[in-house]
């Protein structure tokens, strides 16, 4: 996998992490759901990059 594609995937996962984290915090008024959501995205990113 090329470095450009890896950066593209990283950006593709970073935008939902920022926007989704804000939405989850505003909805649930706590950091626990945000932490769970960020952890899931991190696991996906590690899975993609480990290929």
N, C-alpha and C. Protein backbone atom coordinates (compact mmCIF):
# COMPACT_ATOMS: atom_id res chain seq x y z
N UNK A 1 0.86 -1.16 0.00
CA UNK A 1 0.00 0.00 0.00
C UNK A 1 0.91 1.23 0.00
N UNK A 2 0.60 2.17 -0.88
CA UNK A 2 1.44 3.35 -1.00
C UNK A 2 1.23 4.30 0.18
N UNK A 3 2.21 5.15 0.38
CA UNK A 3 2.15 6.10 1.50
C UNK A 3 1.01 7.11 1.30
N UNK A 4 0.73 7.47 0.05
CA UNK A 4 -0.36 8.41 -0.22
C UNK A 4 -1.71 7.80 0.16
N UNK A 5 -1.86 6.52 -0.12
CA UNK A 5 -3.12 5.86 0.23
C UNK A 5 -3.27 5.75 1.75
N UNK A 6 -2.17 5.49 2.46
CA UNK A 6 -2.21 5.43 3.92
C UNK A 6 -2.60 6.77 4.52
N UNK A 7 -2.04 7.85 3.98
CA UNK A 7 -2.42 9.18 4.47
C UNK A 7 -3.88 9.49 4.16
N UNK A 8 -4.36 9.04 3.01
CA UNK A 8 -5.76 9.24 2.66
C UNK A 8 -6.69 8.53 3.61
N UNK A 9 -6.34 7.31 3.98
CA UNK A 9 -7.14 6.55 4.94
C UNK A 9 -7.09 7.22 6.30
N UNK A 10 -5.92 7.72 6.68
CA UNK A 10 -5.79 8.41 7.95
C UNK A 10 -6.69 9.64 8.00
N UNK A 11 -6.73 10.41 6.93
CA UNK A 11 -7.60 11.58 6.88
C UNK A 11 -9.06 11.15 6.89
N UNK A 12 -9.36 10.07 6.16
CA UNK A 12 -10.73 9.56 6.12
C UNK A 12 -11.21 9.14 7.51
N UNK A 13 -10.32 8.67 8.37
CA UNK A 13 -10.69 8.28 9.72
C UNK A 13 -10.57 9.43 10.72
N UNK A 14 -9.77 10.43 10.41
CA UNK A 14 -9.59 11.55 11.34
C UNK A 14 -10.80 12.48 11.34
N UNK A 15 -11.42 12.69 10.20
CA UNK A 15 -12.57 13.58 10.13
C UNK A 15 -13.74 13.04 10.96
N UNK A 16 -14.12 11.77 10.83
CA UNK A 16 -15.18 11.26 11.70
C UNK A 16 -14.79 11.26 13.18
N UNK A 17 -13.50 11.10 13.46
CA UNK A 17 -13.07 11.12 14.86
C UNK A 17 -13.31 12.49 15.47
N UNK A 18 -13.02 13.55 14.74
CA UNK A 18 -13.19 14.90 15.26
C UNK A 18 -14.68 15.26 15.33
N UNK A 19 -15.36 15.10 14.21
CA UNK A 19 -16.77 15.48 14.15
C UNK A 19 -17.63 14.55 15.01
N UNK A 20 -17.41 13.25 14.86
CA UNK A 20 -18.19 12.28 15.63
C UNK A 20 -17.94 12.38 17.12
N UNK A 21 -16.70 12.67 17.50
CA UNK A 21 -16.40 12.86 18.91
C UNK A 21 -17.15 14.04 19.50
N UNK A 22 -17.22 15.12 18.75
CA UNK A 22 -17.96 16.29 19.21
C UNK A 22 -19.45 16.02 19.32
N UNK A 23 -19.99 15.31 18.35
CA UNK A 23 -21.42 14.99 18.38
C UNK A 23 -21.73 14.06 19.56
N UNK A 24 -20.88 13.07 19.76
CA UNK A 24 -21.11 12.15 20.89
C UNK A 24 -21.00 12.86 22.22
N UNK A 25 -20.03 13.76 22.35
CA UNK A 25 -19.90 14.49 23.62
C UNK A 25 -21.12 15.38 23.86
N UNK A 26 -21.61 16.04 22.82
CA UNK A 26 -22.77 16.91 22.97
C UNK A 26 -24.03 16.10 23.27
N UNK A 27 -24.12 14.90 22.72
CA UNK A 27 -25.30 14.08 22.92
C UNK A 27 -25.32 13.44 24.31
N UNK A 28 -24.21 12.83 24.70
CA UNK A 28 -24.18 12.07 25.95
C UNK A 28 -23.57 12.85 27.12
N UNK A 29 -23.01 14.00 26.86
CA UNK A 29 -22.42 14.88 27.88
C UNK A 29 -21.41 14.15 28.75
N UNK A 30 -20.55 13.38 28.12
CA UNK A 30 -19.51 12.67 28.85
C UNK A 30 -18.45 12.19 27.88
N UNK A 31 -17.32 11.81 28.43
CA UNK A 31 -16.21 11.38 27.58
C UNK A 31 -16.16 9.88 27.35
N UNK A 32 -16.92 9.10 28.07
CA UNK A 32 -16.88 7.64 27.90
C UNK A 32 -17.30 7.21 26.49
N UNK A 33 -18.43 7.68 25.95
CA UNK A 33 -18.77 7.28 24.58
C UNK A 33 -17.77 7.78 23.55
N UNK A 34 -17.19 8.94 23.80
CA UNK A 34 -16.18 9.48 22.88
C UNK A 34 -14.95 8.58 22.90
N UNK A 35 -14.54 8.15 24.07
CA UNK A 35 -13.38 7.26 24.19
C UNK A 35 -13.63 5.94 23.47
N UNK A 36 -14.83 5.38 23.61
CA UNK A 36 -15.16 4.13 22.94
C UNK A 36 -15.14 4.30 21.43
N UNK A 37 -15.73 5.39 20.93
CA UNK A 37 -15.77 5.67 19.50
C UNK A 37 -14.36 5.86 18.95
N UNK A 38 -13.53 6.61 19.66
CA UNK A 38 -12.15 6.85 19.21
C UNK A 38 -11.35 5.55 19.22
N UNK A 39 -11.59 4.69 20.20
CA UNK A 39 -10.90 3.41 20.27
C UNK A 39 -11.27 2.52 19.09
N UNK A 40 -12.55 2.51 18.73
CA UNK A 40 -12.99 1.72 17.57
C UNK A 40 -12.32 2.23 16.30
N UNK A 41 -12.27 3.53 16.11
CA UNK A 41 -11.61 4.09 14.93
C UNK A 41 -10.12 3.78 14.94
N UNK A 42 -9.49 3.79 16.09
CA UNK A 42 -8.07 3.47 16.19
C UNK A 42 -7.82 2.01 15.82
N UNK A 43 -8.68 1.12 16.26
CA UNK A 43 -8.54 -0.30 15.92
C UNK A 43 -8.69 -0.51 14.42
N UNK A 44 -9.63 0.20 13.81
CA UNK A 44 -9.79 0.12 12.36
C UNK A 44 -8.55 0.62 11.64
N UNK A 45 -8.00 1.74 12.11
CA UNK A 45 -6.81 2.31 11.48
C UNK A 45 -5.62 1.35 11.61
N UNK A 46 -5.45 0.75 12.77
CA UNK A 46 -4.35 -0.21 12.96
C UNK A 46 -4.55 -1.41 12.06
N UNK A 47 -5.79 -1.86 11.92
CA UNK A 47 -6.07 -2.99 11.05
C UNK A 47 -5.75 -2.70 9.59
N UNK A 48 -6.05 -1.49 9.15
CA UNK A 48 -5.78 -1.10 7.77
C UNK A 48 -4.27 -0.98 7.53
N UNK A 49 -3.57 -0.39 8.49
CA UNK A 49 -2.13 -0.16 8.29
C UNK A 49 -1.29 -1.41 8.50
N UNK A 50 -1.82 -2.42 9.15
CA UNK A 50 -1.03 -3.62 9.41
C UNK A 50 -0.96 -4.56 8.21
N UNK A 51 -1.71 -4.28 7.19
CA UNK A 51 -1.70 -5.16 6.00
C UNK A 51 -0.38 -5.10 5.30
